[in-house]
Amino acid sequence: MAGNPSSRVLLMEFNKLTKEPVEGFNISLKNEDIYSWSVAIFGPPKTLYEGGYFKAEMTFPHDYPYRYN
């Protein structure tokens, strides 16, 4: 994993998001795979989604960031 350029990019982005989290979002690796993230989104206060907890999974291609789909 460490030798692949796309895994290094994802690891840098993941580390930045865990050290400087975005309010209302939480991320973790799914099955310790840098290409598969678990995401939790918390509904922001004073909105229709307040108190909501939404889960998602993000899967990145092995040639990320050069391919987007």
PDB file of N, CA and C in Angstrom:
ATOM      1  N   MET A   1       0.824  -1.203   0.000  1.00  0.00           N
ATOM      2  CA  MET A   1       0.000   0.000   0.000  1.00  0.00           C
ATOM      3  C   MET A   1       0.859   1.254   0.000  1.00  0.00           C
ATOM      4  N   ALA A   2       1.896   1.311   0.786  1.00  0.00           N
ATOM      5  CA  ALA A   2       2.676   2.537   0.935  1.00  0.00           C
ATOM      6  C   ALA A   2       3.379   2.948  -0.347  1.00  0.00           C
ATOM      7  N   GLY A   3       3.657   1.983  -1.258  1.00  0.00           N
ATOM      8  CA  GLY A   3       4.369   2.315  -2.473  1.00  0.00           C
ATOM      9  C   GLY A   3       3.484   2.830  -3.590  1.00  0.00           C
ATOM     10  N   ASN A   4       2.188   2.613  -3.497  1.00  0.00           N
ATOM     11  CA  ASN A   4       1.260   3.025  -4.532  1.00  0.00           C
ATOM     12  C   ASN A   4       0.962   4.523  -4.384  1.00  0.00           C
ATOM     13  N   PRO A   5       1.143   5.318  -5.479  1.00  0.00           N
ATOM     14  CA  PRO A   5       0.889   6.765  -5.364  1.00  0.00           C
ATOM     15  C   PRO A   5      -0.532   7.097  -4.933  1.00  0.00           C
ATOM     16  N   SER A   6      -1.526   6.370  -5.435  1.00  0.00           N
ATOM     17  CA  SER A   6      -2.898   6.698  -5.054  1.00  0.00           C
ATOM     18  C   SER A   6      -3.149   6.387  -3.586  1.00  0.00           C
ATOM     19  N   SER A   7      -2.552   5.326  -3.053  1.00  0.00           N
ATOM     20  CA  SER A   7      -2.752   5.035  -1.634  1.00  0.00           C
ATOM     21  C   SER A   7      -2.076   6.086  -0.767  1.00  0.00           C
ATOM     22  N   ARG A   8      -0.953   6.620  -1.220  1.00  0.00           N
ATOM     23  CA  ARG A   8      -0.291   7.694  -0.455  1.00  0.00           C
ATOM     24  C   ARG A   8      -1.156   8.947  -0.426  1.00  0.00           C
ATOM     25  N   VAL A   9      -1.786   9.285  -1.561  1.00  0.00           N
ATOM     26  CA  VAL A   9      -2.668  10.459  -1.614  1.00  0.00           C
ATOM     27  C   VAL A   9      -3.846  10.259  -0.668  1.00  0.00           C
ATOM     28  N   LEU A  10      -4.483   9.099  -0.737  1.00  0.00           N
ATOM     29  CA  LEU A  10      -5.617   8.827   0.141  1.00  0.00           C
ATOM     30  C   LEU A  10      -5.207   8.831   1.611  1.00  0.00           C
ATOM     31  N   LEU A  11      -4.057   8.264   1.910  1.00  0.00           N
ATOM     32  CA  LEU A  11      -3.587   8.247   3.290  1.00  0.00           C
ATOM     33  C   LEU A  11      -3.354   9.665   3.806  1.00  0.00           C
ATOM     34  N   MET A  12      -2.769  10.519   2.980  1.00  0.00           N
ATOM     35  CA  MET A  12      -2.569  11.923   3.382  1.00  0.00           C
ATOM     36  C   MET A  12      -3.912  12.603   3.627  1.00  0.00           C
ATOM     37  N   GLU A  13      -4.891  12.388   2.739  1.00  0.00           N
ATOM     38  CA  GLU A  13      -6.203  13.009   2.903  1.00  0.00           C
ATOM     39  C   GLU A  13      -6.919  12.462   4.138  1.00  0.00           C
ATOM     40  N   PHE A  14      -6.838  11.155   4.343  1.00  0.00           N
ATOM     41  CA  PHE A  14      -7.463  10.542   5.511  1.00  0.00           C
ATOM     42  C   PHE A  14      -6.845  11.081   6.800  1.00  0.00           C
ATOM     43  N   ASN A  15      -5.518  11.136   6.850  1.00  0.00           N
ATOM     44  CA  ASN A  15      -4.832  11.647   8.047  1.00  0.00           C
ATOM     45  C   ASN A  15      -5.199  13.089   8.325  1.00  0.00           C
ATOM     46  N   LYS A  16      -5.292  13.905   7.286  1.00  0.00           N
ATOM     47  CA  LYS A  16      -5.673  15.312   7.483  1.00  0.00           C
ATOM     48  C   LYS A  16      -7.085  15.409   8.054  1.00  0.00           C
ATOM     49  N   LEU A  17      -8.004  14.595   7.514  1.00  0.00           N
ATOM     50  CA  LEU A  17      -9.384  14.647   8.002  1.00  0.00           C
ATOM     51  C   LEU A  17      -9.533  14.098   9.414  1.00  0.00           C
ATOM     52  N   THR A  18      -8.671  13.202   9.824  1.00  0.00           N
ATOM     53  CA  THR A  18      -8.759  12.710  11.196  1.00  0.00           C
ATOM     54  C   THR A  18      -8.078  13.662  12.178  1.00  0.00           C
ATOM     55  N   LYS A  19      -7.046  14.377  11.721  1.00  0.00           N
ATOM     56  CA  LYS A  19      -6.370  15.341  12.601  1.00  0.00           C
ATOM     57  C   LYS A  19      -7.098  16.679  12.656  1.00  0.00           C
ATOM     58  N   GLU A  20      -7.735  17.047  11.548  1.00  0.00           N
ATOM     59  CA  GLU A  20      -8.496  18.298  11.457  1.00  0.00           C
ATOM     60  C   GLU A  20      -9.902  17.971  10.956  1.00  0.00           C
ATOM     61  N   PRO A  21     -10.728  17.356  11.815  1.00  0.00           N
ATOM     62  CA  PRO A  21     -12.044  16.896  11.359  1.00  0.00           C
ATOM     63  C   PRO A  21     -12.975  18.030  10.950  1.00  0.00           C
ATOM     64  N   VAL A  22     -13.839  17.727  10.016  1.00  0.00           N
ATOM     65  CA  VAL A  22     -14.878  18.657   9.582  1.00  0.00           C
ATOM     66  C   VAL A  22     -16.058  18.475  10.531  1.00  0.00           C
ATOM     67  N   GLU A  23     -16.573  19.567  11.053  1.00  0.00           N
ATOM     68  CA  GLU A  23     -17.671  19.491  12.011  1.00  0.00           C
ATOM     69  C   GLU A  23     -18.873  18.777  11.397  1.00  0.00           C
ATOM     70  N   GLY A  24     -19.404  17.823  12.140  1.00  0.00           N
ATOM     71  CA  GLY A  24     -20.582  17.093  11.688  1.00  0.00           C
ATOM     72  C   GLY A  24     -20.271  15.846  10.875  1.00  0.00           C
ATOM     73  N   PHE A  25     -18.991  15.568  10.661  1.00  0.00           N
ATOM     74  CA  PHE A  25     -18.586  14.393   9.891  1.00  0.00           C
ATOM     75  C   PHE A  25     -17.585  13.572  10.694  1.00  0.00           C
ATOM     76  N   ASN A  26     -17.641  12.280  10.511  1.00  0.00           N
ATOM     77  CA  ASN A  26     -16.664  11.388  11.116  1.00  0.00           C
ATOM     78  C   ASN A  26     -16.308  10.332  10.074  1.00  0.00           C
ATOM     79  N   ILE A  27     -15.019  10.029   9.944  1.00  0.00           N
ATOM     80  CA  ILE A  27     -14.601   9.017   8.974  1.00  0.00           C
ATOM     81  C   ILE A  27     -13.759   7.954   9.658  1.00  0.00           C
ATOM     82  N   SER A  28     -13.793   6.766   9.098  1.00  0.00           N
ATOM     83  CA  SER A  28     -12.927   5.680   9.548  1.00  0.00           C
ATOM     84  C   SER A  28     -12.707   4.764   8.358  1.00  0.00           C
ATOM     85  N   LEU A  29     -11.691   3.941   8.460  1.00  0.00           N
ATOM     86  CA  LEU A  29     -11.420   2.981   7.398  1.00  0.00           C
ATOM     87  C   LEU A  29     -12.317   1.772   7.582  1.00  0.00           C
ATOM     88  N   LYS A  30     -12.828   1.269   6.493  1.00  0.00           N
ATOM     89  CA  LYS A  30     -13.624   0.053   6.527  1.00  0.00           C
ATOM     90  C   LYS A  30     -12.674  -1.110   6.282  1.00  0.00           C
ATOM     91  N   ASN A  31     -12.627  -2.047   7.202  1.00  0.00           N
ATOM     92  CA  ASN A  31     -11.763  -3.232   7.098  1.00  0.00           C
ATOM     93  C   ASN A  31     -10.294  -2.867   6.895  1.00  0.00           C
ATOM     94  N   GLU A  32      -9.863  -1.751   7.483  1.00  0.00           N
ATOM     95  CA  GLU A  32      -8.466  -1.296   7.393  1.00  0.00           C
ATOM     96  C   GLU A  32      -7.984  -1.146   5.950  1.00  0.00           C
ATOM     97  N   ASP A  33      -8.897  -0.800   5.051  1.00  0.00           N
ATOM     98  CA  ASP A  33      -8.606  -0.633   3.625  1.00  0.00           C
ATOM     99  C   ASP A  33      -8.646   0.863   3.286  1.00  0.00           C
ATOM    100  N   ILE A  34      -7.521   1.420   2.877  1.00  0.00           N
ATOM    101  CA  ILE A  34      -7.450   2.856   2.588  1.00  0.00           C
ATOM    102  C   ILE A  34      -8.385   3.255   1.443  1.00  0.00           C
ATOM    103  N   TYR A  35      -8.789   2.306   0.616  1.00  0.00           N
ATOM    104  CA  TYR A  35      -9.678   2.597  -0.506  1.00  0.00           C
ATOM    105  C   TYR A  35     -11.158   2.515  -0.135  1.00  0.00           C
ATOM    106  N   SER A  36     -11.469   2.189   1.100  1.00  0.00           N
ATOM    107  CA  SER A  36     -12.858   2.053   1.534  1.00  0.00           C
ATOM    108  C   SER A  36     -13.041   2.751   2.885  1.00  0.00           C
ATOM    109  N   TRP A  37     -13.847   3.819   2.874  1.00  0.00           N
ATOM    110  CA  TRP A  37     -14.068   4.613   4.080  1.00  0.00           C
ATOM    111  C   TRP A  37     -15.509   4.474   4.551  1.00  0.00           C
ATOM    112  N   SER A  38     -15.704   4.464   5.856  1.00  0.00           N
ATOM    113  CA  SER A  38     -17.021   4.582   6.466  1.00  0.00           C
ATOM    114  C   SER A  38     -17.176   6.037   6.891  1.00  0.00           C
ATOM    115  N   VAL A  39     -18.330   6.601   6.598  1.00  0.00           N
ATOM    116  CA  VAL A  39     -18.573   8.009   6.882  1.00  0.00           C
ATOM    117  C   VAL A  39     -19.837   8.139   7.733  1.00  0.00           C
ATOM    118  N   ALA A  40     -19.774   8.956   8.756  1.00  0.00           N
ATOM    119  CA  ALA A  40     -20.946   9.287   9.567  1.00  0.00           C
ATOM    120  C   ALA A  40     -21.183  10.790   9.433  1.00  0.00           C
ATOM    121  N   ILE A  41     -22.418  11.151   9.156  1.00  0.00           N
ATOM    122  CA  ILE A  41     -22.795  12.558   9.013  1.00  0.00           C
ATOM    123  C   ILE A  41     -23.866  12.843  10.061  1.00  0.00           C
ATOM    124  N   PHE A  42     -23.633  13.867  10.848  1.00  0.00           N
ATOM    125  CA  PHE A  42     -24.560  14.245  11.903  1.00  0.00           C
ATOM    126  C   PHE A  42     -25.352  15.467  11.438  1.00  0.00           C
ATOM    127  N   GLY A  43     -26.666  15.390  11.563  1.00  0.00           N
ATOM    128  CA  GLY A  43     -27.522  16.494  11.125  1.00  0.00           C
ATOM    129  C   GLY A  43     -27.190  17.785  11.849  1.00  0.00           C
ATOM    130  N   PRO A  44     -26.997  18.872  11.100  1.00  0.00           N
ATOM    131  CA  PRO A  44     -26.645  20.144  11.734  1.00  0.00           C
ATOM    132  C   PRO A  44     -27.811  20.740  12.529  1.00  0.00           C
ATOM    133  N   PRO A  45     -27.479  21.454  13.602  1.00  0.00           N
ATOM    134  CA  PRO A  45     -28.523  22.071  14.419  1.00  0.00           C
ATOM    135  C   PRO A  45     -29.345  23.089  13.622  1.00  0.00           C
ATOM    136  N   LYS A  46     -30.584  23.232  14.048  1.00  0.00           N
ATOM    137  CA  LYS A  46     -31.516  24.210  13.470  1.00  0.00           C
ATOM    138  C   LYS A  46     -31.785  23.947  11.994  1.00  0.00           C
ATOM    139  N   THR A  47     -31.762  22.690  11.601  1.00  0.00           N
ATOM    140  CA  THR A  47     -32.138  22.303  10.239  1.00  0.00           C
ATOM    141  C   THR A  47     -33.122  21.150  10.334  1.00  0.00           C
ATOM    142  N   LEU A  48     -33.691  20.806   9.238  1.00  0.00           N
ATOM    143  CA  LEU A  48     -34.606  19.675   9.171  1.00  0.00           C
ATOM    144  C   LEU A  48     -33.908  18.381   9.588  1.00  0.00           C
ATOM    145  N   TYR A  49     -32.604  18.323   9.430  1.00  0.00           N
ATOM    146  CA  TYR A  49     -31.835  17.117   9.709  1.00  0.00           C
ATOM    147  C   TYR A  49     -31.241  17.077  11.116  1.00  0.00           C
ATOM    148  N   GLU A  50     -31.550  18.070  11.955  1.00  0.00           N
ATOM    149  CA  GLU A  50     -31.012  18.120  13.314  1.00  0.00           C
ATOM    150  C   GLU A  50     -31.303  16.827  14.055  1.00  0.00           C
ATOM    151  N   GLY A  51     -30.292  16.284  14.707  1.00  0.00           N
ATOM    152  CA  GLY A  51     -30.434  15.047  15.445  1.00  0.00           C
ATOM    153  C   GLY A  51     -30.287  13.801  14.585  1.00  0.00           C
ATOM    154  N   GLY A  52     -30.189  13.994  13.282  1.00  0.00           N
ATOM    155  CA  GLY A  52     -30.051  12.857  12.378  1.00  0.00           C
ATOM    156  C   GLY A  52     -28.644  12.286  12.389  1.00  0.00           C
ATOM    157  N   TYR A  53     -28.568  11.004  12.112  1.00  0.00           N
ATOM    158  CA  TYR A  53     -27.292  10.301  12.016  1.00  0.00           C
ATOM    159  C   TYR A  53     -27.355   9.496  10.732  1.00  0.00           C
ATOM    160  N   PHE A  54     -26.502   9.841   9.787  1.00  0.00           N
ATOM    161  CA  PHE A  54     -26.539   9.231   8.467  1.00  0.00           C
ATOM    162  C   PHE A  54     -25.210   8.536   8.202  1.00  0.00           C
ATOM    163  N   LYS A  55     -25.292   7.294   7.747  1.00  0.00           N
ATOM    164  CA  LYS A  55     -24.084   6.527   7.480  1.00  0.00           C
ATOM    165  C   LYS A  55     -23.925   6.354   5.973  1.00  0.00           C
ATOM    166  N   ALA A  56     -22.678   6.358   5.539  1.00  0.00           N
ATOM    167  CA  ALA A  56     -22.369   6.162   4.125  1.00  0.00           C
ATOM    168  C   ALA A  56     -21.033   5.441   4.015  1.00  0.00           C
ATOM    169  N   GLU A  57     -20.793   4.911   2.852  1.00  0.00           N
ATOM    170  CA  GLU A  57     -19.504   4.300   2.552  1.00  0.00           C
ATOM    171  C   GLU A  57     -18.955   4.946   1.289  1.00  0.00           C
ATOM    172  N   MET A  58     -17.677   5.238   1.305  1.00  0.00           N
ATOM    173  CA  MET A  58     -17.005   5.791   0.135  1.00  0.00           C
ATOM    174  C   MET A  58     -15.959   4.787  -0.317  1.00  0.00           C
ATOM    175  N   THR A  59     -15.990   4.444  -1.589  1.00  0.00           N
ATOM    176  CA  THR A  59     -15.019   3.525  -2.154  1.00  0.00           C
ATOM    177  C   THR A  59     -14.272   4.256  -3.255  1.00  0.00           C
ATOM    178  N   PHE A  60     -12.964   4.222  -3.180  1.00  0.00           N
ATOM    179  CA  PHE A  60     -12.114   4.927  -4.132  1.00  0.00           C
ATOM    180  C   PHE A  60     -11.481   3.932  -5.103  1.00  0.00           C
ATOM    181  N   PRO A  61     -11.374   4.295  -6.381  1.00  0.00           N
ATOM    182  CA  PRO A  61     -10.689   3.408  -7.331  1.00  0.00           C
ATOM    183  C   PRO A  61      -9.194   3.378  -7.030  1.00  0.00           C
ATOM    184  N   HIS A  62      -8.533   2.311  -7.421  1.00  0.00           N
ATOM    185  CA  HIS A  62      -7.106   2.163  -7.133  1.00  0.00           C
ATOM    186  C   HIS A  62      -6.235   3.114  -7.941  1.00  0.00           C
ATOM    187  N   ASP A  63      -6.833   3.812  -8.926  1.00  0.00           N
ATOM    188  CA  ASP A  63      -6.070   4.825  -9.650  1.00  0.00           C
ATOM    189  C   ASP A  63      -6.544   6.238  -9.276  1.00  0.00           C
ATOM    190  N   TYR A  64      -7.159   6.376  -8.102  1.00  0.00           N
ATOM    191  CA  TYR A  64      -7.533   7.686  -7.568  1.00  0.00           C
ATOM    192  C   TYR A  64      -6.281   8.544  -7.434  1.00  0.00           C
ATOM    193  N   PRO A  65      -6.288   9.804  -7.718  1.00  0.00           N
ATOM    194  CA  PRO A  65      -7.370  10.706  -8.085  1.00  0.00           C
ATOM    195  C   PRO A  65      -7.513  10.902  -9.605  1.00  0.00           C
ATOM    196  N   TYR A  66      -6.974  10.008 -10.370  1.00  0.00           N
ATOM    197  CA  TYR A  66      -6.990  10.181 -11.815  1.00  0.00           C
ATOM    198  C   TYR A  66      -8.292   9.710 -12.461  1.00  0.00           C
ATOM    199  N   ARG A  67      -9.030   8.867 -11.771  1.00  0.00           N
ATOM    200  CA  ARG A  67     -10.326   8.419 -12.261  1.00  0.00           C
ATOM    201  C   ARG A  67     -11.369   8.752 -11.202  1.00  0.00           C
ATOM    202  N   TYR A  68     -12.480   9.329 -11.588  1.00  0.00           N
ATOM    203  CA  TYR A  68     -13.455   9.839 -10.617  1.00  0.00           C
ATOM    204  C   TYR A  68     -14.660   8.948 -10.456  1.00  0.00           C
ATOM    205  N   ASN A  69     -14.976   8.074 -11.372  1.00  0.00           N
ATOM    206  CA  ASN A  69     -16.234   7.326 -11.274  1.00  0.00           C
ATOM    207  C   ASN A  69     -15.989   6.110 -10.503  1.00  0.00           C
TER     208      ASN A  69
END
